[in-house]
Amino acid sequence: MNRLNRDQMAERVARDIPEGAYVNLGIGLPTKVANYLPADRDIFLQSENGLLGMGPAPAKGEEDWELINAGKQAVTLLTGGCFFHHADSFAMMRGGHLDICVLGAFQVSIHGDLANWHTGEPGAIPAVGGAMDLAIGAKQTFVMMELFTKQGACKLVEACTYPLTGLGCVSRVYTDMAVFDLGVDGAKVVEMVEGLTLEDLRQSTGLTLTLANEIEAA
């Protein structure tokens, strides 16, 4: 079984972002998605610090540090892009003007609850930032994360044990092993990496999983 690396995960998410979408890419892993959006597809990337029309990351040595995203990474601005006060940016997020946000997570429940701001670990700095505004304000919330922690704990869970960012807000999770649709009926497996079976996923995650195409065909 070959797990997807982080760039392959980003490319997979990018494939599901449609023409004309207004999208926020969360701090960390989701920012990689910008590098894989097709150049011939009009997609408008927004950043909570006040940018609309972001492009891919600049080439090394060509960074303009006056132009950064919410994670303080250098970004590019596409023709027609603009920047503005972060209060206006949050008004976009809270007002339902974003089609999709892509966030990282510490845990996601099979019903779409999101925990992505604090683990309770000693010395950890809690920083919810704009995640709660995005998770609830965007029309769709996607999560991009590795399926297991470095310690081997599954991050897709029956019920989150970490402090929640939002309830029932995540519709799809992209991981290094599989893609899942979430909802009131639990987690449905949309795709798996080559060499992985549904039974493998059930055993490794400890979850009751079904195949999305079986549910849709029923």
Protein backbone atom coordinates (compact mmCIF):
# COMPACT_ATOMS: atom_id res chain seq x y z
CA MET A 1 0.00 0.00 0.00
CA ASN A 2 1.38 3.39 -1.01
CA ARG A 3 0.06 6.24 1.10
CA LEU A 4 -0.33 9.62 -0.57
CA ASN A 5 2.28 12.21 0.31
CA ARG A 6 1.21 15.74 1.19
CA ASP A 7 1.57 17.05 -2.35
CA GLN A 8 -0.53 14.19 -3.71
CA MET A 9 -3.18 14.91 -1.08
CA ALA A 10 -3.21 18.56 -2.14
CA GLU A 11 -3.58 17.60 -5.80
CA ARG A 12 -6.49 15.33 -4.91
CA VAL A 13 -8.31 18.13 -3.08
CA ALA A 14 -7.68 20.53 -5.98
CA ARG A 15 -9.47 18.16 -8.36
CA ASP A 16 -12.72 18.60 -6.43
CA ILE A 17 -12.76 22.40 -6.46
CA PRO A 18 -15.06 23.53 -9.26
CA GLU A 19 -14.88 26.38 -11.74
CA GLY A 20 -15.92 29.71 -10.25
CA ALA A 21 -15.58 28.69 -6.60
CA TYR A 22 -14.54 31.11 -3.87
CA VAL A 23 -12.25 29.16 -1.56
CA ASN A 24 -10.31 29.68 1.67
CA LEU A 25 -7.28 27.45 2.29
CA GLY A 26 -6.52 27.06 5.99
CA ILE A 27 -3.11 27.49 7.61
CA GLY A 28 -0.66 24.63 7.21
CA LEU A 29 -1.20 21.65 4.94
CA PRO A 30 -4.22 23.07 3.02
CA THR A 31 -2.12 25.94 1.60
CA LYS A 32 -0.48 23.38 -0.72
CA VAL A 33 -3.76 23.07 -2.64
CA ALA A 34 -3.08 26.43 -4.32
CA ASN A 35 -0.14 24.90 -6.20
CA TYR A 36 -2.34 22.30 -7.91
CA LEU A 37 -5.34 24.30 -9.08
CA PRO A 38 -5.56 24.13 -12.90
CA ALA A 39 -4.48 27.37 -14.55
CA ASP A 40 -7.42 27.17 -16.97
CA ARG A 41 -10.00 27.03 -14.17
CA ASP A 42 -11.21 30.29 -12.59
CA ILE A 43 -11.02 29.72 -8.83
CA PHE A 44 -10.80 32.61 -6.38
CA LEU A 45 -8.66 32.01 -3.30
CA GLN A 46 -9.40 34.12 -0.24
CA SER A 47 -7.23 34.57 2.85
CA GLU A 48 -8.62 35.67 6.21
CA ASN A 49 -5.96 38.37 6.60
CA GLY A 50 -7.53 40.18 3.63
CA LEU A 51 -6.64 38.77 0.21
CA LEU A 52 -8.75 37.66 -2.72
CA GLY A 53 -7.26 36.23 -5.89
CA MET A 54 -4.19 34.45 -4.51
CA GLY A 55 -2.10 32.38 -6.85
CA PRO A 56 0.44 29.59 -6.21
CA ALA A 57 3.48 30.00 -3.98
CA PRO A 58 6.23 32.21 -5.48
CA ALA A 59 9.46 30.73 -6.79
CA LYS A 60 12.30 30.65 -4.27
CA GLY A 61 14.02 34.02 -4.21
CA GLU A 62 11.00 35.81 -5.69
CA GLU A 63 9.02 36.21 -2.46
CA ASP A 64 7.40 39.56 -1.71
CA TRP A 65 7.07 39.61 2.08
CA GLU A 66 4.52 42.39 1.86
CA LEU A 67 2.23 39.77 0.33
CA ILE A 68 1.51 36.90 2.72
CA ASN A 69 -1.34 34.59 3.67
CA ALA A 70 -2.79 34.05 7.16
CA GLY A 71 0.02 31.59 7.94
CA LYS A 72 2.65 34.25 7.14
CA GLN A 73 3.75 32.39 4.01
CA ALA A 74 4.69 34.39 0.92
CA VAL A 75 2.03 34.16 -1.79
CA THR A 76 1.40 35.51 -5.26
CA LEU A 77 -1.53 37.62 -6.44
CA LEU A 78 -3.24 36.83 -9.73
CA THR A 79 -4.23 39.54 -12.20
CA GLY A 80 -7.32 41.23 -10.78
CA GLY A 81 -6.55 40.11 -7.22
CA CYS A 82 -6.93 42.53 -4.33
CA PHE A 83 -6.21 43.02 -0.65
CA PHE A 84 -8.37 44.69 2.00
CA HIS A 85 -9.01 45.06 5.74
CA HIS A 86 -9.27 41.80 7.65
CA ALA A 87 -12.64 42.89 9.07
CA ASP A 88 -14.02 42.83 5.53
CA SER A 89 -12.41 39.43 5.05
CA PHE A 90 -14.18 38.05 8.13
CA ALA A 91 -17.44 39.56 6.89
CA MET A 92 -17.01 37.47 3.72
CA MET A 93 -16.40 34.35 5.82
CA ARG A 94 -19.26 34.90 8.26
CA GLY A 95 -21.68 36.11 5.60
CA GLY A 96 -21.74 32.84 3.65
CA HIS A 97 -19.83 34.21 0.65
CA LEU A 98 -17.28 31.36 0.47
CA ASP A 99 -18.15 28.19 -1.39
CA ILE A 100 -15.48 25.97 0.17
CA CYS A 101 -12.94 26.12 2.96
CA VAL A 102 -10.18 23.53 3.33
CA LEU A 103 -8.94 23.09 6.90
CA GLY A 104 -6.53 20.89 8.80
CA ALA A 105 -7.70 18.98 11.88
CA PHE A 106 -6.64 17.18 15.02
CA GLN A 107 -9.86 15.15 14.97
CA VAL A 108 -12.99 14.86 12.85
CA SER A 109 -16.01 12.81 13.89
CA ILE A 110 -17.82 10.51 11.48
CA HIS A 111 -20.78 12.91 11.64
CA GLY A 112 -18.69 15.93 10.61
CA ASP A 113 -17.78 17.53 13.94
CA LEU A 114 -14.44 19.37 13.74
CA ALA A 115 -11.71 19.78 16.37
CA ASN A 116 -8.72 21.67 14.99
CA TRP A 117 -7.56 24.29 17.47
CA HIS A 118 -6.43 22.67 20.73
CA THR A 119 -5.41 19.21 21.93
CA GLY A 120 -5.09 19.99 25.62
CA GLU A 121 -1.43 19.00 25.60
CA PRO A 122 0.72 20.73 28.27
CA GLY A 123 2.34 23.85 26.83
CA ALA A 124 0.14 23.84 23.72
CA ILE A 125 -0.99 27.29 22.64
CA PRO A 126 -4.72 27.31 21.85
CA ALA A 127 -5.35 29.29 18.68
CA VAL A 128 -8.76 28.93 17.08
CA GLY A 129 -8.11 31.89 14.75
CA GLY A 130 -10.69 32.13 11.99
CA ALA A 131 -11.36 28.39 11.83
CA MET A 132 -14.73 28.55 13.57
CA ASP A 133 -15.87 31.36 11.25
CA LEU A 134 -14.76 29.39 8.20
CA ALA A 135 -16.18 26.06 9.34
CA ILE A 136 -19.63 27.51 9.87
CA GLY A 137 -19.61 30.29 7.26
CA ALA A 138 -18.45 28.37 4.19
CA LYS A 139 -21.03 26.46 2.16
CA GLN A 140 -18.80 23.35 2.29
CA THR A 141 -16.00 22.49 4.72
CA PHE A 142 -13.35 20.02 3.59
CA VAL A 143 -10.64 18.67 5.88
CA MET A 144 -7.20 17.61 4.69
CA MET A 145 -5.15 15.55 7.17
CA GLU A 146 -3.14 12.39 7.68
CA LEU A 147 -5.48 9.62 8.87
CA PHE A 148 -3.29 8.67 11.83
CA THR A 149 -1.15 10.62 14.29
CA LYS A 150 2.55 9.84 14.67
CA GLN A 151 1.56 7.80 17.72
CA GLY A 152 -0.84 5.71 15.61
CA ALA A 153 -4.14 7.15 16.84
CA CYS A 154 -6.85 7.54 14.20
CA LYS A 155 -7.92 11.16 13.66
CA LEU A 156 -11.29 10.17 12.19
CA VAL A 157 -13.29 9.18 15.27
CA GLU A 158 -16.76 8.23 16.50
CA ALA A 159 -16.83 11.36 18.68
CA CYS A 160 -14.22 14.08 19.13
CA THR A 161 -12.43 14.22 22.49
CA TYR A 162 -10.68 17.53 21.78
CA PRO A 163 -12.41 20.94 22.10
CA LEU A 164 -14.75 21.44 19.14
CA THR A 165 -14.42 24.09 16.44
CA GLY A 166 -17.79 23.34 14.86
CA LEU A 167 -20.61 20.79 14.94
CA GLY A 168 -21.58 18.79 11.86
CA CYS A 169 -19.74 21.17 9.56
CA VAL A 170 -17.32 18.86 7.68
CA SER A 171 -18.72 17.17 4.59
CA ARG A 172 -15.58 15.52 3.20
CA VAL A 173 -12.19 14.43 4.59
CA TYR A 174 -9.11 13.88 2.40
CA THR A 175 -6.39 11.73 3.95
CA ASP A 176 -3.22 9.95 2.90
CA MET A 177 -5.11 6.62 2.81
CA ALA A 178 -8.69 7.38 1.76
CA VAL A 179 -11.32 10.01 1.04
CA PHE A 180 -14.44 10.00 3.22
CA ASP A 181 -17.86 11.63 2.98
CA LEU A 182 -19.35 12.45 6.39
CA GLY A 183 -22.88 13.09 7.59
CA VAL A 184 -25.74 11.93 9.76
CA ASP A 185 -25.30 8.37 8.45
CA GLY A 186 -21.62 8.29 9.44
CA ALA A 187 -18.50 7.92 7.30
CA LYS A 188 -18.65 6.61 3.74
CA VAL A 189 -15.48 5.70 1.86
CA VAL A 190 -15.27 7.50 -1.49
CA GLU A 191 -11.78 6.37 -2.52
CA MET A 192 -8.91 4.30 -1.15
CA VAL A 193 -5.25 4.15 -2.12
CA GLU A 194 -4.18 1.18 -4.22
CA GLY A 195 -3.70 -1.96 -2.16
CA LEU A 196 -6.05 -0.91 0.65
CA THR A 197 -9.36 -2.67 1.27
CA LEU A 198 -12.47 -1.59 3.13
CA GLU A 199 -11.82 -4.29 5.73
CA ASP A 200 -8.27 -2.97 6.23
CA LEU A 201 -9.72 0.49 6.91
CA ARG A 202 -12.33 -0.87 9.28
CA GLN A 203 -9.74 -2.76 11.29
CA SER A 204 -7.16 0.03 11.43
CA THR A 205 -9.65 2.79 12.30
CA GLY A 206 -12.02 0.79 14.46
CA LEU A 207 -14.92 2.47 12.67
CA THR A 208 -18.06 1.15 11.00
CA LEU A 209 -17.41 2.27 7.44
CA THR A 210 -19.45 1.80 4.28
CA LEU A 211 -18.64 2.38 0.64
CA ALA A 212 -20.21 5.53 -0.78
CA ASN A 213 -21.10 3.92 -4.10
CA GLU A 214 -22.96 1.10 -2.32
CA ILE A 215 -25.06 3.61 -0.40
CA GLU A 216 -25.74 5.67 -3.54
CA ALA A 217 -26.77 2.59 -5.51
CA ALA A 218 -29.17 1.35 -2.84
